[in-house]
Every structure is written in structure tokens, then in C-alpha cells.
């Protein structure tokens, strides 16, 4: 099979010919139809998840999110051959299972992946674009818990996580303020933003402070480093408000001094999350944001697009 893999950490990933992985006890083999591109893939390739004393199996096929068909099962597997599934590998998976989703086949088990049945009206490309970014947004909005009428500032609003977070927050009745490039403002509004700020031409902190002098109820920051987050963005949260970041740039103890709850959010997917995401899409509450697709043969091009350019929505690789 074709697979986008590395033979050692730090190596530039390449498309390789590798054996089709066979499922062990409790595992399923999945014929991959689509896999979405996430920044974590390149962190894995660089060795960011390597730990002293832990031996990683090589070659490592990259890729976390996927949609496909169960093509074989091991003893005791919870799925059947022929079922259409989607899900994501867990961040701990590469240490025990080197078979990621940038391939024509992969394997997964309850210990290495969150897995759900793909609804018939959710196509594979859309399903592959859901798990990591959609699940992260789901967890973030659940933690921030914006009530109807509350204000939520979202920095990095039109990327993978932000595109879902805007919709989930708007569905709860929150007043969403999106920070995004000017060309993405209409897109942000289509996802539920009531206000938009162009970070390229406007000082975000000054604009928010002018429009919301009492402060916003909550902030979701998906982009800023600690200096910007703590120095410019966090002060925009009213006393007693909430702040969440996926960049691990917050100082929760410092913010607690004025009653602001803060979290450096790390997502761990579950089967229940996959089922909830599928249900939200089927019900029309959540729609998969704009996707750009590449064939597996152009994986290197997709890699370059993901790591060097501004990405609106999601990049998805197809194997067909």
C-alpha cells in the first residue's frame, strides 16, 4: 500500500510502499477513504512526542483523523467488516501503533483511537474533517459554557478548530466576536460570528475594548503566544469571566487573582465525542467548514500548504 511515513524522527516524511497492516486482537483494519491534515502530524514527525525509555516502532505512518470502511477485524473487535467508520487516533497511539491515516489502510483499537459509525448522509471527506478539530471545539465550548447573550471573543476564528467553535457558540446563543483576516470576514459571519475584527489592520485589544468597555465574558484564543495572550488579550475578559487556549499560553494562577477561570486545553477524543459530532452534523447544528482536498499522491503538497500558508477550514487527503 501507499503510505506517507518516516523511518526515524526528524526525517522529512515521504510517500512509501509499505505492507498492509493486519489487525490484532480487538483491532480493526480500515480501508482509508479520507484523512484530514493537522499540525500534530508534523510534531510527531519531528519527534515532539518521543519520550526517554520509550521505543517507537518504525516506519511510522503519519495521520490522525480518518474516514473509511472496516476491511478486516481481529478477535473481539467491536466493529464488523463493511461498516463505514470515522474517528481519530489518540496522541499516545504512535508509541504502540505506527499505522496512521495517511495511507490506504490503517489499524485501530479502543486503546489507540476514538471511533464511530459514519452516518450515510455524512460523506467521507466531511467525516475525516470532523474528529480532531471538531472534537477540540466541542470540548472547548463545553468548558467555556457560553450562555445565551454572553460575549465570546475567538482569536484564530476561521481555522480548523475556530470554524467549529464559532458554530457551536452561536448555537448556544452567544454573541461571537471573531478575529480573522479581512478576506475571511464573510466566512466567519456565515459560521455565526456577529462581529469581526481584522487582526492585520486593526489592534484587536483596542477594538474589543472600544466595543465592550465592560469586558467580554469569555475568550477562546487559538493563536497567540503567552506575551500577547497575557499582555493584550486576557485583560479583555471581565472579572469572573473565562479564558481557554490551545496554545498553552495562559497563566491560570495569575488570572485567578481576579476571578477569571483559565485553562490550557488539551483534547483527548472519545467514542462518545464521535457520536455527538455525527449527530450535530446530521441535525444541521454543525456543518463541516470549507475543505480543500488533495490526493494521497500529493501529500507533500498538502504538507507544505498546511505548514507554510494560511489555511481556511480544513485540508483533507483522499486515497481514491
C-alpha atoms as a PDB file:
ATOM      1  CA  UNK A   1       0.000   0.000   0.000  1.00  0.00           C
ATOM      2  CA  UNK A   2       0.985   3.661  -0.304  1.00  0.00           C
ATOM      3  CA  UNK A   3       1.686   5.451   2.975  1.00  0.00           C
ATOM      4  CA  UNK A   4       3.158   8.832   3.957  1.00  0.00           C
ATOM      5  CA  UNK A   5       5.694   7.809   6.575  1.00  0.00           C
ATOM      6  CA  UNK A   6       9.018   8.350   8.324  1.00  0.00           C
ATOM      7  CA  UNK A   7      11.781   5.868   9.194  1.00  0.00           C
ATOM      8  CA  UNK A   8      13.082   7.988  12.081  1.00  0.00           C
ATOM      9  CA  UNK A   9      12.153  11.144  13.963  1.00  0.00           C
ATOM     10  CA  UNK A  10      13.359  14.307  12.267  1.00  0.00           C
ATOM     11  CA  UNK A  11      13.175  12.760   8.812  1.00  0.00           C
ATOM     12  CA  UNK A  12      11.183  14.503   6.079  1.00  0.00           C
ATOM     13  CA  UNK A  13       8.026  12.368   5.573  1.00  0.00           C
ATOM     14  CA  UNK A  14       7.820  10.602   2.221  1.00  0.00           C
ATOM     15  CA  UNK A  15       5.306   8.532   0.289  1.00  0.00           C
ATOM     16  CA  UNK A  16       6.422   4.919   0.656  1.00  0.00           C
ATOM     17  CA  UNK A  17       5.330   1.417  -0.325  1.00  0.00           C
ATOM     18  CA  UNK A  18       4.608  -0.446   2.920  1.00  0.00           C
ATOM     19  CA  UNK A  19       2.893  -3.729   3.828  1.00  0.00           C
ATOM     20  CA  UNK A  20      -0.826  -3.573   4.568  1.00  0.00           C
ATOM     21  CA  UNK A  21      -1.168  -3.763   8.388  1.00  0.00           C
ATOM     22  CA  UNK A  22      -3.119  -6.741   9.720  1.00  0.00           C
ATOM     23  CA  UNK A  23      -5.495  -6.325  12.704  1.00  0.00           C
ATOM     24  CA  UNK A  24      -4.555  -7.925  16.007  1.00  0.00           C
ATOM     25  CA  UNK A  25      -6.915  -8.883  18.863  1.00  0.00           C
ATOM     26  CA  UNK A  26      -9.503  -6.148  19.425  1.00  0.00           C
ATOM     27  CA  UNK A  27      -8.293  -4.197  16.387  1.00  0.00           C
ATOM     28  CA  UNK A  28      -9.971  -3.281  13.131  1.00  0.00           C
ATOM     29  CA  UNK A  29      -8.302  -2.802   9.787  1.00  0.00           C
ATOM     30  CA  UNK A  30      -9.674   0.248   7.972  1.00  0.00           C
ATOM     31  CA  UNK A  31      -9.542   0.918   4.259  1.00  0.00           C
ATOM     32  CA  UNK A  32      -8.980   4.664   4.440  1.00  0.00           C
ATOM     33  CA  UNK A  33     -11.097   6.849   2.174  1.00  0.00           C
ATOM     34  CA  UNK A  34     -10.050  10.273   3.516  1.00  0.00           C
ATOM     35  CA  UNK A  35      -7.749  11.739   6.167  1.00  0.00           C
ATOM     36  CA  UNK A  36      -7.530  15.332   7.311  1.00  0.00           C
ATOM     37  CA  UNK A  37      -4.305  17.245   7.881  1.00  0.00           C
ATOM     38  CA  UNK A  38      -3.466  18.535  11.373  1.00  0.00           C
ATOM     39  CA  UNK A  39      -0.432  20.346  12.839  1.00  0.00           C
ATOM     40  CA  UNK A  40       0.115  17.476  15.294  1.00  0.00           C
ATOM     41  CA  UNK A  41       1.224  15.249  12.395  1.00  0.00           C
ATOM     42  CA  UNK A  42       4.367  17.311  11.834  1.00  0.00           C
ATOM     43  CA  UNK A  43       5.092  17.431  15.569  1.00  0.00           C
ATOM     44  CA  UNK A  44       5.055  13.637  15.587  1.00  0.00           C
ATOM     45  CA  UNK A  45       7.445  13.551  12.619  1.00  0.00           C
ATOM     46  CA  UNK A  46       9.820  15.931  14.389  1.00  0.00           C
ATOM     47  CA  UNK A  47       9.884  13.700  17.490  1.00  0.00           C
ATOM     48  CA  UNK A  48       7.937  16.021  19.796  1.00  0.00           C
ATOM     49  CA  UNK A  49       6.148  13.040  21.370  1.00  0.00           C
ATOM     50  CA  UNK A  50       9.253  10.895  21.831  1.00  0.00           C
ATOM     51  CA  UNK A  51       9.979  10.065  25.465  1.00  0.00           C
ATOM     52  CA  UNK A  52      13.155   8.746  27.114  1.00  0.00           C
ATOM     53  CA  UNK A  53      12.960   4.999  27.500  1.00  0.00           C
ATOM     54  CA  UNK A  54      10.020   4.620  25.058  1.00  0.00           C
ATOM     55  CA  UNK A  55      10.799   2.748  21.851  1.00  0.00           C
ATOM     56  CA  UNK A  56       8.688   3.841  18.884  1.00  0.00           C
ATOM     57  CA  UNK A  57       8.054   1.344  16.068  1.00  0.00           C
ATOM     58  CA  UNK A  58       9.184   2.407  12.602  1.00  0.00           C
ATOM     59  CA  UNK A  59       8.303   3.105   9.901  1.00  0.00           C
ATOM     60  CA  UNK A  60       5.690   5.470  11.349  1.00  0.00           C
ATOM     61  CA  UNK A  61       2.805   6.358   9.059  1.00  0.00           C
ATOM     62  CA  UNK A  62       1.568   9.842   9.951  1.00  0.00           C
ATOM     63  CA  UNK A  63      -2.055  10.970  10.189  1.00  0.00           C
ATOM     64  CA  UNK A  64      -4.669  11.098  12.941  1.00  0.00           C
ATOM     65  CA  UNK A  65      -8.149  11.907  11.527  1.00  0.00           C
ATOM     66  CA  UNK A  66      -9.752   9.439   9.127  1.00  0.00           C
ATOM     67  CA  UNK A  67     -12.875   8.075   7.499  1.00  0.00           C
ATOM     68  CA  UNK A  68     -13.077   4.677   5.840  1.00  0.00           C
ATOM     69  CA  UNK A  69     -14.504   1.179   5.681  1.00  0.00           C
ATOM     70  CA  UNK A  70     -13.761  -1.664   8.092  1.00  0.00           C
ATOM     71  CA  UNK A  71     -11.990  -4.181   5.839  1.00  0.00           C
ATOM     72  CA  UNK A  72     -10.902  -6.801   8.403  1.00  0.00           C
ATOM     73  CA  UNK A  73     -11.263  -7.376  12.155  1.00  0.00           C
ATOM     74  CA  UNK A  74      -9.272  -9.100  14.871  1.00  0.00           C
ATOM     75  CA  UNK A  75     -10.746 -11.315  17.569  1.00  0.00           C
ATOM     76  CA  UNK A  76     -13.040  -9.367  19.881  1.00  0.00           C
ATOM     77  CA  UNK A  77     -13.275  -6.256  17.731  1.00  0.00           C
ATOM     78  CA  UNK A  78     -16.301  -4.034  18.345  1.00  0.00           C
ATOM     79  CA  UNK A  79     -16.990  -3.363  14.645  1.00  0.00           C
ATOM     80  CA  UNK A  80     -17.866  -5.537  11.670  1.00  0.00           C
ATOM     81  CA  UNK A  81     -16.376  -5.840   8.207  1.00  0.00           C
ATOM     82  CA  UNK A  82     -18.158  -3.474   5.822  1.00  0.00           C
ATOM     83  CA  UNK A  83     -19.099  -0.808   8.371  1.00  0.00           C
ATOM     84  CA  UNK A  84     -18.309   2.780   7.384  1.00  0.00           C
ATOM     85  CA  UNK A  85     -16.476   4.480  10.251  1.00  0.00           C
ATOM     86  CA  UNK A  86     -14.649   7.685  11.118  1.00  0.00           C
ATOM     87  CA  UNK A  87     -12.542   8.852  14.015  1.00  0.00           C
ATOM     88  CA  UNK A  88      -9.080   9.823  15.177  1.00  0.00           C
ATOM     89  CA  UNK A  89      -6.005   8.196  16.606  1.00  0.00           C
ATOM     90  CA  UNK A  90      -5.146   9.211  20.151  1.00  0.00           C
ATOM     91  CA  UNK A  91      -1.951  11.238  20.735  1.00  0.00           C
ATOM     92  CA  UNK A  92      -0.449   8.256  22.544  1.00  0.00           C
ATOM     93  CA  UNK A  93      -1.054   5.921  19.587  1.00  0.00           C
ATOM     94  CA  UNK A  94       2.270   6.355  17.715  1.00  0.00           C
ATOM     95  CA  UNK A  95       4.165   4.729  20.589  1.00  0.00           C
ATOM     96  CA  UNK A  96       2.251   1.465  20.185  1.00  0.00           C
ATOM     97  CA  UNK A  97       0.638   1.552  16.738  1.00  0.00           C
ATOM     98  CA  UNK A  98       2.651   3.010  13.833  1.00  0.00           C
ATOM     99  CA  UNK A  99      -0.205   2.754  11.341  1.00  0.00           C
ATOM    100  CA  UNK A 100      -1.597   6.269  10.840  1.00  0.00           C
ATOM    101  CA  UNK A 101      -4.238   7.523   8.439  1.00  0.00           C
ATOM    102  CA  UNK A 102      -2.075   8.918   5.615  1.00  0.00           C
ATOM    103  CA  UNK A 103      -2.250   5.524   3.958  1.00  0.00           C
ATOM    104  CA  UNK A 104      -4.546   3.261   2.018  1.00  0.00           C
ATOM    105  CA  UNK A 105      -5.006   1.059   5.107  1.00  0.00           C
ATOM    106  CA  UNK A 106      -4.574   1.544   8.860  1.00  0.00           C
ATOM    107  CA  UNK A 107      -5.424  -0.290  12.077  1.00  0.00           C
ATOM    108  CA  UNK A 108      -7.183   0.979  15.193  1.00  0.00           C
ATOM    109  CA  UNK A 109      -8.313  -0.305  18.583  1.00  0.00           C
ATOM    110  CA  UNK A 110     -10.144   1.199  21.590  1.00  0.00           C
ATOM    111  CA  UNK A 111      -6.727   1.878  23.155  1.00  0.00           C
ATOM    112  CA  UNK A 112      -5.358   3.776  20.159  1.00  0.00           C
ATOM    113  CA  UNK A 113      -8.337   5.549  18.567  1.00  0.00           C
ATOM    114  CA  UNK A 114     -11.770   7.062  19.095  1.00  0.00           C
ATOM    115  CA  UNK A 115     -14.115   5.523  16.546  1.00  0.00           C
ATOM    116  CA  UNK A 116     -17.704   5.992  15.434  1.00  0.00           C
ATOM    117  CA  UNK A 117     -20.050   4.810  12.705  1.00  0.00           C
ATOM    118  CA  UNK A 118     -20.230   7.277   9.825  1.00  0.00           C
ATOM    119  CA  UNK A 119     -23.834   8.320   9.055  1.00  0.00           C
ATOM    120  CA  UNK A 120     -24.866   7.665   5.461  1.00  0.00           C
ATOM    121  CA  UNK A 121     -25.504  11.370   4.823  1.00  0.00           C
ATOM    122  CA  UNK A 122     -22.011  12.374   6.012  1.00  0.00           C
ATOM    123  CA  UNK A 123     -19.558  11.870   3.157  1.00  0.00           C
ATOM    124  CA  UNK A 124     -16.023  10.578   3.881  1.00  0.00           C
ATOM    125  CA  UNK A 125     -14.270  13.906   3.224  1.00  0.00           C
ATOM    126  CA  UNK A 126     -16.573  15.720   5.652  1.00  0.00           C
ATOM    127  CA  UNK A 127     -16.296  12.922   8.217  1.00  0.00           C
ATOM    128  CA  UNK A 128     -12.485  12.995   8.071  1.00  0.00           C
ATOM    129  CA  UNK A 129     -12.552  16.761   8.699  1.00  0.00           C
ATOM    130  CA  UNK A 130     -14.548  16.383  11.917  1.00  0.00           C
ATOM    131  CA  UNK A 131     -12.741  14.450  14.652  1.00  0.00           C
ATOM    132  CA  UNK A 132      -9.715  16.352  15.945  1.00  0.00           C
ATOM    133  CA  UNK A 133     -10.724  19.948  15.258  1.00  0.00           C
ATOM    134  CA  UNK A 134     -14.456  19.383  15.737  1.00  0.00           C
ATOM    135  CA  UNK A 135     -13.883  17.411  18.926  1.00  0.00           C
ATOM    136  CA  UNK A 136     -11.475  20.027  20.259  1.00  0.00           C
ATOM    137  CA  UNK A 137     -14.025  22.781  19.570  1.00  0.00           C
ATOM    138  CA  UNK A 138     -16.729  20.717  21.263  1.00  0.00           C
ATOM    139  CA  UNK A 139     -14.599  20.287  24.370  1.00  0.00           C
ATOM    140  CA  UNK A 140     -13.611  23.948  24.450  1.00  0.00           C
ATOM    141  CA  UNK A 141     -17.152  25.267  24.122  1.00  0.00           C
ATOM    142  CA  UNK A 142     -18.361  22.803  26.762  1.00  0.00           C
ATOM    143  CA  UNK A 143     -15.644  24.100  29.099  1.00  0.00           C
ATOM    144  CA  UNK A 144     -16.281  27.780  28.355  1.00  0.00           C
ATOM    145  CA  UNK A 145     -20.046  27.135  28.507  1.00  0.00           C
ATOM    146  CA  UNK A 146     -21.178  30.453  26.965  1.00  0.00           C
ATOM    147  CA  UNK A 147     -24.745  31.275  27.936  1.00  0.00           C
ATOM    148  CA  UNK A 148     -27.279  32.925  25.673  1.00  0.00           C
ATOM    149  CA  UNK A 149     -26.390  36.576  25.229  1.00  0.00           C
ATOM    150  CA  UNK A 150     -22.864  36.278  26.623  1.00  0.00           C
ATOM    151  CA  UNK A 151     -19.950  37.627  24.583  1.00  0.00           C
ATOM    152  CA  UNK A 152     -17.205  35.283  23.361  1.00  0.00           C
ATOM    153  CA  UNK A 153     -14.046  36.515  21.636  1.00  0.00           C
ATOM    154  CA  UNK A 154     -12.494  33.895  19.330  1.00  0.00           C
ATOM    155  CA  UNK A 155      -8.923  34.511  18.146  1.00  0.00           C
ATOM    156  CA  UNK A 156      -7.987  32.344  15.172  1.00  0.00           C
ATOM    157  CA  UNK A 157     -11.640  32.050  14.248  1.00  0.00           C
ATOM    158  CA  UNK A 158     -11.504  30.627  10.716  1.00  0.00           C
ATOM    159  CA  UNK A 159      -9.003  27.794  11.124  1.00  0.00           C
ATOM    160  CA  UNK A 160      -9.949  24.186  11.786  1.00  0.00           C
ATOM    161  CA  UNK A 161     -10.945  24.472  15.455  1.00  0.00           C
ATOM    162  CA  UNK A 162     -12.242  28.031  15.164  1.00  0.00           C
ATOM    163  CA  UNK A 163     -14.592  27.196  12.288  1.00  0.00           C
ATOM    164  CA  UNK A 164     -16.381  24.689  14.517  1.00  0.00           C
ATOM    165  CA  UNK A 165     -16.179  26.765  17.697  1.00  0.00           C
ATOM    166  CA  UNK A 166     -17.954  29.712  16.054  1.00  0.00           C
ATOM    167  CA  UNK A 167     -20.884  27.483  15.123  1.00  0.00           C
ATOM    168  CA  UNK A 168     -21.131  25.736  18.481  1.00  0.00           C
ATOM    169  CA  UNK A 169     -21.017  29.003  20.412  1.00  0.00           C
ATOM    170  CA  UNK A 170     -23.568  30.681  18.129  1.00  0.00           C
ATOM    171  CA  UNK A 171     -25.881  27.672  18.518  1.00  0.00           C
ATOM    172  CA  UNK A 172     -25.917  28.359  22.267  1.00  0.00           C
ATOM    173  CA  UNK A 173     -26.953  31.957  21.629  1.00  0.00           C
ATOM    174  CA  UNK A 174     -23.598  33.547  22.424  1.00  0.00           C
ATOM    175  CA  UNK A 175     -22.582  36.842  20.819  1.00  0.00           C
ATOM    176  CA  UNK A 176     -19.441  35.796  18.969  1.00  0.00           C
ATOM    177  CA  UNK A 177     -16.621  38.205  18.121  1.00  0.00           C
ATOM    178  CA  UNK A 178     -14.316  36.643  15.536  1.00  0.00           C
ATOM    179  CA  UNK A 179     -10.710  37.686  14.948  1.00  0.00           C
ATOM    180  CA  UNK A 180      -9.738  36.802  11.380  1.00  0.00           C
ATOM    181  CA  UNK A 181      -8.099  38.176   8.255  1.00  0.00           C
ATOM    182  CA  UNK A 182     -10.249  40.597   6.258  1.00  0.00           C
ATOM    183  CA  UNK A 183     -10.838  38.182   3.380  1.00  0.00           C
ATOM    184  CA  UNK A 184     -12.327  35.690   5.862  1.00  0.00           C
ATOM    185  CA  UNK A 185     -14.891  38.008   7.434  1.00  0.00           C
ATOM    186  CA  UNK A 186     -17.846  36.873   5.328  1.00  0.00           C
ATOM    187  CA  UNK A 187     -16.872  33.283   6.035  1.00  0.00           C
ATOM    188  CA  UNK A 188     -16.751  33.972   9.790  1.00  0.00           C
ATOM    189  CA  UNK A 189     -20.182  35.602   9.674  1.00  0.00           C
ATOM    190  CA  UNK A 190     -21.574  32.614   7.786  1.00  0.00           C
ATOM    191  CA  UNK A 191     -20.446  30.432  10.710  1.00  0.00           C
ATOM    192  CA  UNK A 192     -22.210  32.568  13.301  1.00  0.00           C
ATOM    193  CA  UNK A 193     -19.934  35.500  14.158  1.00  0.00           C
ATOM    194  CA  UNK A 194     -21.828  38.694  14.972  1.00  0.00           C
ATOM    195  CA  UNK A 195     -18.724  40.904  14.989  1.00  0.00           C
ATOM    196  CA  UNK A 196     -15.440  40.513  13.110  1.00  0.00           C
ATOM    197  CA  UNK A 197     -12.060  42.146  13.619  1.00  0.00           C
ATOM    198  CA  UNK A 198      -9.242  42.140  11.065  1.00  0.00           C
ATOM    199  CA  UNK A 199      -6.072  41.451  13.055  1.00  0.00           C
ATOM    200  CA  UNK A 200      -3.931  42.538  10.109  1.00  0.00           C
ATOM    201  CA  UNK A 201      -5.229  46.104  10.019  1.00  0.00           C
ATOM    202  CA  UNK A 202      -6.672  46.670  13.497  1.00  0.00           C
ATOM    203  CA  UNK A 203      -5.338  46.442  17.047  1.00  0.00           C
ATOM    204  CA  UNK A 204      -7.555  43.661  18.395  1.00  0.00           C
ATOM    205  CA  UNK A 205      -7.351  44.710  22.046  1.00  0.00           C
ATOM    206  CA  UNK A 206      -8.214  48.342  21.281  1.00  0.00           C
ATOM    207  CA  UNK A 207     -11.140  47.330  19.051  1.00  0.00           C
ATOM    208  CA  UNK A 208     -12.627  44.957  21.629  1.00  0.00           C
ATOM    209  CA  UNK A 209     -12.152  47.414  24.462  1.00  0.00           C
ATOM    210  CA  UNK A 210     -13.911  50.160  22.479  1.00  0.00           C
ATOM    211  CA  UNK A 211     -16.894  47.944  21.643  1.00  0.00           C
ATOM    212  CA  UNK A 212     -17.043  46.155  25.011  1.00  0.00           C
ATOM    213  CA  UNK A 213     -15.772  48.579  27.678  1.00  0.00           C
ATOM    214  CA  UNK A 214     -17.003  46.306  30.486  1.00  0.00           C
ATOM    215  CA  UNK A 215     -15.009  43.395  29.075  1.00  0.00           C
ATOM    216  CA  UNK A 216     -16.112  40.224  27.317  1.00  0.00           C
ATOM    217  CA  UNK A 217     -17.496  37.239  29.168  1.00  0.00           C
ATOM    218  CA  UNK A 218     -15.103  34.721  27.648  1.00  0.00           C
ATOM    219  CA  UNK A 219     -12.121  34.339  25.322  1.00  0.00           C
ATOM    220  CA  UNK A 220     -11.076  31.406  23.170  1.00  0.00           C
ATOM    221  CA  UNK A 221      -7.555  32.002  21.861  1.00  0.00           C
ATOM    222  CA  UNK A 222      -6.274  29.530  19.282  1.00  0.00           C
ATOM    223  CA  UNK A 223      -3.278  31.504  18.061  1.00  0.00           C
ATOM    224  CA  UNK A 224      -1.473  33.860  20.444  1.00  0.00           C
ATOM    225  CA  UNK A 225       1.703  33.205  22.415  1.00  0.00           C
ATOM    226  CA  UNK A 226       1.978  33.941  26.135  1.00  0.00           C
ATOM    227  CA  UNK A 227       3.217  37.510  25.716  1.00  0.00           C
ATOM    228  CA  UNK A 228       0.272  38.543  23.551  1.00  0.00           C
ATOM    229  CA  UNK A 229      -2.327  36.431  25.342  1.00  0.00           C
ATOM    230  CA  UNK A 230      -1.479  37.502  28.874  1.00  0.00           C
ATOM    231  CA  UNK A 231      -0.456  41.066  27.989  1.00  0.00           C
ATOM    232  CA  UNK A 232      -3.144  42.062  25.481  1.00  0.00           C
ATOM    233  CA  UNK A 233      -5.985  39.527  25.240  1.00  0.00           C
ATOM    234  CA  UNK A 234      -6.537  38.253  28.789  1.00  0.00           C
ATOM    235  CA  UNK A 235      -7.167  41.775  30.174  1.00  0.00           C
ATOM    236  CA  UNK A 236     -10.204  41.973  27.865  1.00  0.00           C
ATOM    237  CA  UNK A 237     -12.003  39.319  29.948  1.00  0.00           C
ATOM    238  CA  UNK A 238     -14.248  40.790  32.622  1.00  0.00           C
ATOM    239  CA  UNK A 239     -13.568  39.882  36.239  1.00  0.00           C
ATOM    240  CA  UNK A 240     -15.137  36.481  36.845  1.00  0.00           C
ATOM    241  CA  UNK A 241     -15.019  35.510  33.155  1.00  0.00           C
ATOM    242  CA  UNK A 242     -13.399  32.555  31.407  1.00  0.00           C
ATOM    243  CA  UNK A 243     -10.451  32.021  29.071  1.00  0.00           C
ATOM    244  CA  UNK A 244      -9.270  28.964  27.153  1.00  0.00           C
ATOM    245  CA  UNK A 245      -6.263  28.460  24.899  1.00  0.00           C
ATOM    246  CA  UNK A 246      -4.983  25.519  22.884  1.00  0.00           C
ATOM    247  CA  UNK A 247      -1.508  27.049  22.596  1.00  0.00           C
ATOM    248  CA  UNK A 248      -0.819  26.509  26.321  1.00  0.00           C
ATOM    249  CA  UNK A 249      -0.061  30.201  26.732  1.00  0.00           C
ATOM    250  CA  UNK A 250      -2.281  31.027  29.716  1.00  0.00           C
ATOM    251  CA  UNK A 251      -1.230  31.547  33.329  1.00  0.00           C
ATOM    252  CA  UNK A 252      -4.295  30.253  35.213  1.00  0.00           C
ATOM    253  CA  UNK A 253      -2.919  31.215  38.635  1.00  0.00           C
ATOM    254  CA  UNK A 254      -2.333  34.837  37.631  1.00  0.00           C
ATOM    255  CA  UNK A 255      -5.803  35.125  36.094  1.00  0.00           C
ATOM    256  CA  UNK A 256      -7.444  33.530  39.142  1.00  0.00           C
ATOM    257  CA  UNK A 257      -6.462  36.620  41.150  1.00  0.00           C
ATOM    258  CA  UNK A 258      -9.373  38.461  39.538  1.00  0.00           C
ATOM    259  CA  UNK A 259     -11.706  35.514  39.377  1.00  0.00           C
ATOM    260  CA  UNK A 260     -11.015  34.551  35.750  1.00  0.00           C
ATOM    261  CA  UNK A 261     -11.066  30.785  35.194  1.00  0.00           C
ATOM    262  CA  UNK A 262      -8.480  29.769  32.604  1.00  0.00           C
ATOM    263  CA  UNK A 263      -7.378  26.509  31.013  1.00  0.00           C
ATOM    264  CA  UNK A 264      -4.571  25.368  28.737  1.00  0.00           C
ATOM    265  CA  UNK A 265      -6.758  22.908  26.877  1.00  0.00           C
ATOM    266  CA  UNK A 266      -5.584  19.533  25.606  1.00  0.00           C
ATOM    267  CA  UNK A 267      -8.100  17.304  23.847  1.00  0.00           C
ATOM    268  CA  UNK A 268      -8.457  13.540  24.273  1.00  0.00           C
ATOM    269  CA  UNK A 269     -11.060  12.109  21.909  1.00  0.00           C
ATOM    270  CA  UNK A 270     -13.677   9.535  22.902  1.00  0.00           C
ATOM    271  CA  UNK A 271     -16.112   7.336  21.001  1.00  0.00           C
ATOM    272  CA  UNK A 272     -18.911   9.406  22.562  1.00  0.00           C
ATOM    273  CA  UNK A 273     -17.446  12.579  21.024  1.00  0.00           C
ATOM    274  CA  UNK A 274     -17.504  10.975  17.565  1.00  0.00           C
ATOM    275  CA  UNK A 275     -21.163  10.026  18.005  1.00  0.00           C
ATOM    276  CA  UNK A 276     -22.032  13.539  19.237  1.00  0.00           C
ATOM    277  CA  UNK A 277     -20.248  15.225  16.336  1.00  0.00           C
ATOM    278  CA  UNK A 278     -22.025  12.984  13.818  1.00  0.00           C
ATOM    279  CA  UNK A 279     -25.354  13.770  15.466  1.00  0.00           C
ATOM    280  CA  UNK A 280     -24.754  17.532  15.393  1.00  0.00           C
ATOM    281  CA  UNK A 281     -23.925  17.417  11.685  1.00  0.00           C
ATOM    282  CA  UNK A 282     -26.894  15.195  10.873  1.00  0.00           C
ATOM    283  CA  UNK A 283     -29.196  17.537  12.803  1.00  0.00           C
ATOM    284  CA  UNK A 284     -27.876  20.565  10.918  1.00  0.00           C
ATOM    285  CA  UNK A 285     -26.500  22.245  14.064  1.00  0.00           C
ATOM    286  CA  UNK A 286     -22.938  21.867  12.837  1.00  0.00           C
ATOM    287  CA  UNK A 287     -21.629  21.947   9.306  1.00  0.00           C
ATOM    288  CA  UNK A 288     -18.211  20.914   8.174  1.00  0.00           C
ATOM    289  CA  UNK A 289     -16.262  24.048   7.183  1.00  0.00           C
ATOM    290  CA  UNK A 290     -14.762  24.615   3.795  1.00  0.00           C
ATOM    291  CA  UNK A 291     -12.382  21.812   2.827  1.00  0.00           C
ATOM    292  CA  UNK A 292      -9.507  21.700   0.366  1.00  0.00           C
ATOM    293  CA  UNK A 293      -8.700  18.207  -0.893  1.00  0.00           C
ATOM    294  CA  UNK A 294      -5.515  16.607  -2.188  1.00  0.00           C
ATOM    295  CA  UNK A 295      -4.923  13.067  -3.447  1.00  0.00           C
ATOM    296  CA  UNK A 296      -2.606  10.922  -1.355  1.00  0.00           C
ATOM    297  CA  UNK A 297      -0.069  11.144  -4.188  1.00  0.00           C
ATOM    298  CA  UNK A 298       0.143  14.921  -3.496  1.00  0.00           C
ATOM    299  CA  UNK A 299       0.654  14.504   0.254  1.00  0.00           C
ATOM    300  CA  UNK A 300       3.856  16.514   0.173  1.00  0.00           C
ATOM    301  CA  UNK A 301       1.975  19.426  -1.389  1.00  0.00           C
ATOM    302  CA  UNK A 302      -0.707  19.165   1.314  1.00  0.00           C
ATOM    303  CA  UNK A 303       2.051  19.119   3.941  1.00  0.00           C
ATOM    304  CA  UNK A 304       3.531  22.315   2.515  1.00  0.00           C
ATOM    305  CA  UNK A 305       0.127  24.028   2.396  1.00  0.00           C
ATOM    306  CA  UNK A 306      -0.580  23.099   5.999  1.00  0.00           C
ATOM    307  CA  UNK A 307       2.736  24.262   7.401  1.00  0.00           C
ATOM    308  CA  UNK A 308       3.564  27.377   5.377  1.00  0.00           C
ATOM    309  CA  UNK A 309       0.293  29.070   4.454  1.00  0.00           C
ATOM    310  CA  UNK A 310      -2.917  30.429   5.917  1.00  0.00           C
ATOM    311  CA  UNK A 311      -5.483  27.632   5.953  1.00  0.00           C
ATOM    312  CA  UNK A 312      -9.200  28.393   5.938  1.00  0.00           C
ATOM    313  CA  UNK A 313     -11.232  25.454   7.218  1.00  0.00           C
ATOM    314  CA  UNK A 314      -9.623  22.046   6.666  1.00  0.00           C
ATOM    315  CA  UNK A 315      -7.208  20.241   4.344  1.00  0.00           C
ATOM    316  CA  UNK A 316      -8.229  16.660   3.532  1.00  0.00           C
ATOM    317  CA  UNK A 317      -6.296  13.939   1.712  1.00  0.00           C
ATOM    318  CA  UNK A 318      -8.236  11.333  -0.272  1.00  0.00           C
ATOM    319  CA  UNK A 319      -6.945   7.862  -1.141  1.00  0.00           C
ATOM    320  CA  UNK A 320      -9.270   7.012  -4.034  1.00  0.00           C
END
